[in-house]
Protein backbone atom coordinates (compact mmCIF):
# COMPACT_ATOMS: atom_id res chain seq x y z
CA UNK A 1 0.08 0.14 0.18
CA UNK A 2 2.97 2.44 0.59
CA UNK A 3 4.51 1.60 -2.49
CA UNK A 4 1.46 2.52 -4.37
CA UNK A 5 1.20 5.66 -2.63
CA UNK A 6 5.15 6.76 -3.15
CA UNK A 7 6.05 8.39 -6.54
CA UNK A 8 8.93 6.85 -8.55
CA UNK A 9 12.20 8.14 -6.84
CA UNK A 10 10.71 9.12 -3.63
CA UNK A 11 10.89 6.82 -0.21
CA UNK A 12 8.00 6.40 2.18
CA UNK A 13 9.18 4.32 5.22
CA UNK A 14 6.44 3.36 7.69
CA UNK A 15 7.81 2.16 11.06
CA UNK A 16 5.86 -0.61 12.81
CA UNK A 17 4.69 1.94 15.34
CA UNK A 18 3.27 3.83 12.80
CA UNK A 19 1.32 1.31 10.86
CA UNK A 20 -1.94 1.86 12.54
CA UNK A 21 -1.65 5.72 11.86
CA UNK A 22 -0.96 4.91 8.11
CA UNK A 23 -3.78 2.39 7.50
CA UNK A 24 -6.58 3.89 9.38
CA UNK A 25 -7.26 6.94 6.80
CA UNK A 26 -6.86 5.05 3.93
CA UNK A 27 -9.86 4.10 1.81
CA UNK A 28 -10.95 0.48 2.42
CA UNK A 29 -10.94 -0.51 -1.30
CA UNK A 30 -6.74 -0.05 -0.98
CA UNK A 31 -6.67 -2.68 1.30
CA UNK A 32 -5.24 -6.09 -0.15
CA UNK A 33 -7.81 -8.58 -0.66
CA UNK A 34 -10.57 -5.79 -0.81
CA UNK A 35 -12.03 -6.12 -4.35
CA UNK A 36 -14.61 -4.08 -6.14
CA UNK A 37 -17.45 -6.20 -4.70
CA UNK A 38 -16.36 -6.47 -1.38
CA UNK A 39 -15.64 -2.63 -1.41
CA UNK A 40 -19.38 -1.95 -2.37
CA UNK A 41 -20.64 -4.24 0.46
CA UNK A 42 -18.61 -2.44 3.12
CA UNK A 43 -19.41 1.06 2.01
CA UNK A 44 -23.23 0.19 2.07
CA UNK A 45 -22.56 -0.61 5.40
CA UNK A 46 -20.77 2.47 6.29
CA UNK A 47 -17.23 1.18 6.30
CA UNK A 48 -15.60 3.79 4.08
CA UNK A 49 -11.69 3.61 5.68
CA UNK A 50 -9.43 0.71 6.88
CA UNK A 51 -9.87 2.27 10.22
CA UNK A 52 -13.59 1.70 10.08
CA UNK A 53 -13.17 -1.86 9.17
CA UNK A 54 -10.69 -2.05 12.00
CA UNK A 55 -13.13 -0.57 14.53
CA UNK A 56 -15.73 -3.41 13.88
CA UNK A 57 -16.01 -6.53 15.89
CA UNK A 58 -14.69 -9.56 14.03
CA UNK A 59 -18.04 -11.27 14.23
CA UNK A 60 -19.79 -8.55 12.47
CA UNK A 61 -17.30 -8.68 9.72
CA UNK A 62 -17.60 -12.27 9.26
CA UNK A 63 -21.28 -11.94 9.19
CA UNK A 64 -20.44 -9.74 6.44
CA UNK A 65 -18.06 -11.39 4.50
CA UNK A 66 -17.89 -15.01 5.80
CA UNK A 67 -15.57 -16.54 8.02
CA UNK A 68 -12.36 -16.78 6.34
CA UNK A 69 -12.49 -13.57 4.24
CA UNK A 70 -13.74 -11.56 7.49
CA UNK A 71 -10.79 -12.79 9.50
CA UNK A 72 -8.32 -12.19 6.93
CA UNK A 73 -9.42 -8.75 6.22
CA UNK A 74 -10.11 -7.78 9.73
CA UNK A 75 -6.26 -8.71 10.47
CA UNK A 76 -5.06 -6.86 7.33
CA UNK A 77 -6.72 -3.53 8.82
CA UNK A 78 -5.09 -4.07 12.06
CA UNK A 79 -1.83 -4.16 10.13
CA UNK A 80 -1.35 -7.96 10.33
CA UNK A 81 -0.73 -9.76 7.17
CA UNK A 82 0.24 -13.82 7.61
CA UNK A 83 1.40 -14.05 4.21
CA UNK A 84 4.83 -15.21 3.83
CA UNK A 85 7.46 -13.30 1.68
CA UNK A 86 8.20 -14.97 -1.42
CA UNK A 87 11.95 -14.31 -2.86
CA UNK A 88 11.66 -16.46 -5.75
CA UNK A 89 10.12 -15.80 -9.08
CA UNK A 90 7.11 -17.22 -9.98
CA UNK A 91 5.25 -17.78 -13.36
CA UNK A 92 3.00 -14.67 -14.29
CA UNK A 93 1.18 -16.66 -16.83
CA UNK A 94 0.27 -19.93 -18.55
CA UNK A 95 -1.51 -20.93 -21.74
CA UNK A 96 -2.90 -23.64 -23.69
CA UNK A 97 -3.29 -23.75 -27.16
CA UNK A 98 -5.72 -25.87 -29.65
CA UNK A 99 -4.84 -26.19 -33.28
CA UNK A 100 -7.49 -27.28 -36.01
CA UNK A 101 -6.71 -29.95 -38.42
CA UNK A 102 -8.34 -27.36 -41.16
CA UNK A 103 -9.84 -23.89 -40.90
CA UNK A 104 -12.97 -24.20 -38.63
CA UNK A 105 -16.23 -22.35 -39.45
CA UNK A 106 -18.57 -24.07 -36.83
CA UNK A 107 -18.69 -21.91 -33.59
CA UNK A 108 -20.13 -25.49 -31.77
CA UNK A 109 -16.58 -26.77 -32.48
CA UNK A 110 -14.76 -23.27 -31.26
CA UNK A 111 -16.65 -23.47 -28.00
CA UNK A 112 -15.75 -27.05 -27.64
CA UNK A 113 -12.19 -26.08 -27.71
CA UNK A 114 -12.45 -23.46 -25.26
CA UNK A 115 -13.86 -26.00 -22.69
CA UNK A 116 -11.32 -28.31 -23.16
CA UNK A 117 -8.56 -25.26 -22.86
CA UNK A 118 -10.51 -23.98 -19.95
CA UNK A 119 -10.29 -27.50 -18.27
CA UNK A 120 -6.67 -27.72 -18.99
CA UNK A 121 -5.63 -24.28 -17.57
CA UNK A 122 -8.03 -25.12 -14.40
CA UNK A 123 -6.06 -28.49 -13.98
CA UNK A 124 -2.64 -26.86 -14.02
CA UNK A 125 -3.58 -23.85 -11.64
CA UNK A 126 -5.02 -26.20 -9.17
CA UNK A 127 -1.96 -28.49 -9.47
CA UNK A 128 0.37 -25.59 -8.87
CA UNK A 129 -1.86 -24.33 -6.08
CA UNK A 130 -2.06 -20.86 -8.15
CA UNK A 131 -5.25 -18.66 -9.26
CA UNK A 132 -5.23 -16.49 -12.39
CA UNK A 133 -6.62 -12.88 -12.15
CA UNK A 134 -6.73 -12.35 -15.59
CA UNK A 135 -7.96 -14.15 -18.78
CA UNK A 136 -6.78 -13.82 -22.43
CA UNK A 137 -8.29 -15.32 -25.62
CA UNK A 138 -6.54 -15.15 -28.95
CA UNK A 139 -7.92 -16.51 -31.95
CA UNK A 140 -6.13 -16.86 -35.16
CA UNK A 141 -7.34 -16.96 -38.80
CA UNK A 142 -6.35 -14.88 -41.73
CA UNK A 143 -5.39 -12.26 -39.48
CA UNK A 144 -4.94 -12.30 -35.74
CA UNK A 145 -7.35 -11.33 -32.99
CA UNK A 146 -6.79 -10.68 -29.09
CA UNK A 147 -9.35 -9.85 -26.83
CA UNK A 148 -8.81 -9.40 -23.08
CA UNK A 149 -11.16 -9.71 -20.07
CA UNK A 150 -10.48 -9.21 -16.53
CA UNK A 151 -11.69 -12.03 -14.22
CA UNK A 152 -14.43 -10.58 -11.71
CA UNK A 153 -12.24 -12.43 -8.99
CA UNK A 154 -9.02 -14.58 -9.22
CA UNK A 155 -9.97 -18.24 -9.69
CA UNK A 156 -8.53 -21.73 -10.70
CA UNK A 157 -11.92 -23.41 -11.10
CA UNK A 158 -12.65 -24.88 -14.48
CA UNK A 159 -16.32 -24.00 -14.40
CA UNK A 160 -15.58 -20.27 -14.01
CA UNK A 161 -12.73 -19.76 -16.48
CA UNK A 162 -14.87 -21.54 -19.21
CA UNK A 163 -17.54 -19.23 -18.54
CA UNK A 164 -15.24 -16.18 -19.04
CA UNK A 165 -13.89 -17.89 -21.96
CA UNK A 166 -17.29 -18.35 -23.76
CA UNK A 167 -17.79 -14.70 -22.92
CA UNK A 168 -14.39 -13.38 -24.39
CA UNK A 169 -15.46 -15.57 -27.45
CA UNK A 170 -18.83 -13.83 -27.79
CA UNK A 171 -17.19 -10.37 -27.73
CA UNK A 172 -15.44 -11.28 -30.71
CA UNK A 173 -18.59 -11.45 -32.98
CA UNK A 174 -17.23 -14.24 -35.54
CA UNK A 175 -19.31 -14.82 -38.34
CA UNK A 176 -18.61 -17.20 -40.73
CA UNK A 177 -14.90 -16.95 -39.64
CA UNK A 178 -12.21 -19.71 -40.63
CA UNK A 179 -10.44 -20.38 -37.07
CA UNK A 180 -6.97 -22.05 -37.35
CA UNK A 181 -6.03 -22.00 -33.70
CA UNK A 182 -7.20 -20.85 -30.31
CA UNK A 183 -5.23 -20.27 -27.47
CA UNK A 184 -6.39 -19.35 -23.93
CA UNK A 185 -3.90 -17.69 -21.40
CA UNK A 186 -4.31 -17.38 -17.42
CA UNK A 187 -2.85 -13.86 -16.69
CA UNK A 188 -1.34 -12.38 -13.39
CA UNK A 189 -1.04 -15.64 -11.37
CA UNK A 190 -0.71 -15.66 -7.70
CA UNK A 191 -0.71 -18.18 -4.81
CA UNK A 192 -4.33 -19.79 -4.27
CA UNK A 193 -4.07 -19.21 -0.59
CA UNK A 194 -4.06 -15.28 -1.12
CA UNK A 195 -7.14 -15.37 -2.99
CA UNK A 196 -10.62 -14.28 -1.36
CA UNK A 197 -13.56 -15.75 -3.05
CA UNK A 198 -16.89 -13.84 -3.11
CA UNK A 199 -19.44 -15.71 -1.42
CA UNK A 200 -22.79 -16.97 -3.03
CA UNK A 201 -26.29 -18.00 -2.17
CA UNK A 202 -26.38 -20.71 -4.85
CA UNK A 203 -24.79 -23.93 -2.83
CA UNK A 204 -25.01 -25.92 -6.15
CA UNK A 205 -22.38 -23.74 -7.58
CA UNK A 206 -20.38 -24.49 -4.48
CA UNK A 207 -20.70 -27.89 -4.64
CA UNK A 208 -19.92 -28.07 -8.50
CA UNK A 209 -16.61 -26.25 -7.24
CA UNK A 210 -15.73 -28.71 -4.81
CA UNK A 211 -16.14 -31.83 -6.84
CA UNK A 212 -12.97 -30.51 -9.01
CA UNK A 213 -10.82 -31.67 -6.09
CA UNK A 214 -12.11 -35.17 -6.85
CA UNK A 215 -11.96 -34.94 -10.54
CA UNK A 216 -8.32 -33.90 -9.88
CA UNK A 217 -7.52 -36.87 -7.64
CA UNK A 218 -9.03 -39.24 -10.36
CA UNK A 219 -7.14 -37.81 -13.12
CA UNK A 220 -3.89 -38.12 -11.05
CA UNK A 221 -4.31 -41.66 -10.55
CA UNK A 222 -5.99 -42.81 -13.54
CA UNK A 223 -5.14 -40.44 -16.53
CA UNK A 224 -6.45 -37.11 -17.73
CA UNK A 225 -9.08 -38.83 -19.79
CA UNK A 226 -11.09 -40.71 -16.85
CA UNK A 227 -13.01 -37.65 -16.36
CA UNK A 228 -14.35 -34.98 -18.96
CA UNK A 229 -17.43 -32.79 -19.64
CA UNK A 230 -20.10 -34.54 -21.83
CA UNK A 231 -19.60 -32.04 -24.46
CA UNK A 232 -16.23 -33.56 -24.89
CA UNK A 233 -16.90 -37.16 -24.70
CA UNK A 234 -16.72 -38.77 -28.31
CA UNK A 235 -14.80 -36.13 -30.03
CA UNK A 236 -11.09 -36.23 -30.28
CA UNK A 237 -8.93 -34.26 -27.93
CA UNK A 238 -7.48 -30.76 -29.55
CA UNK A 239 -3.90 -30.59 -30.36
CA UNK A 240 -2.69 -28.71 -27.32
CA UNK A 241 0.81 -26.94 -26.65
CA UNK A 242 1.43 -25.53 -23.10
């Protein structure tokens, strides 16, 4: 937070005794882990600054944001961040590519390829305990086209990655385009343990996301083809390059 407020070439030092004085007047949206949706929810309940958040009882924050996220943000509002310092560089992106055997005009084949690519990215991210905060789709035909969309929250869930990939595809407005290959790239990777997930009242979505852990264990033991979406059954797997 101090770095974001410091102009290039300047130095800002926050001493341990001054952490509270530095944090309290800052807008709550600047606190690490507070995304746009969380910020709006807090502001609706009169929490405008980090000091306002720190002044609330932990139980109140957890009722608003959930047990895990509430405790994490409440701790950070008091200047306590339990994340370890990472000194080794980590990969910032990962991608998978599908190459059609011929120029493909069928949108259904395009979406089927996107579903498979999202599955590959999701599996790779979960295996590496990472989440992607950005998703880029590149579709190449006679000339190249690239569209980028920022995910509403960092994720490694195949279902959410596929949904965003479909939305990206729709923004291209392809009509009878001869697609040669599709690349899906997850960007702005970060450790999964640092990601906060927005709560939902739809428990069926939570169950579908949780079952991915069971599917991952089955794939590691019996092979990547043992479980796949029904839309991919009976079709040749795309030729993908990581």
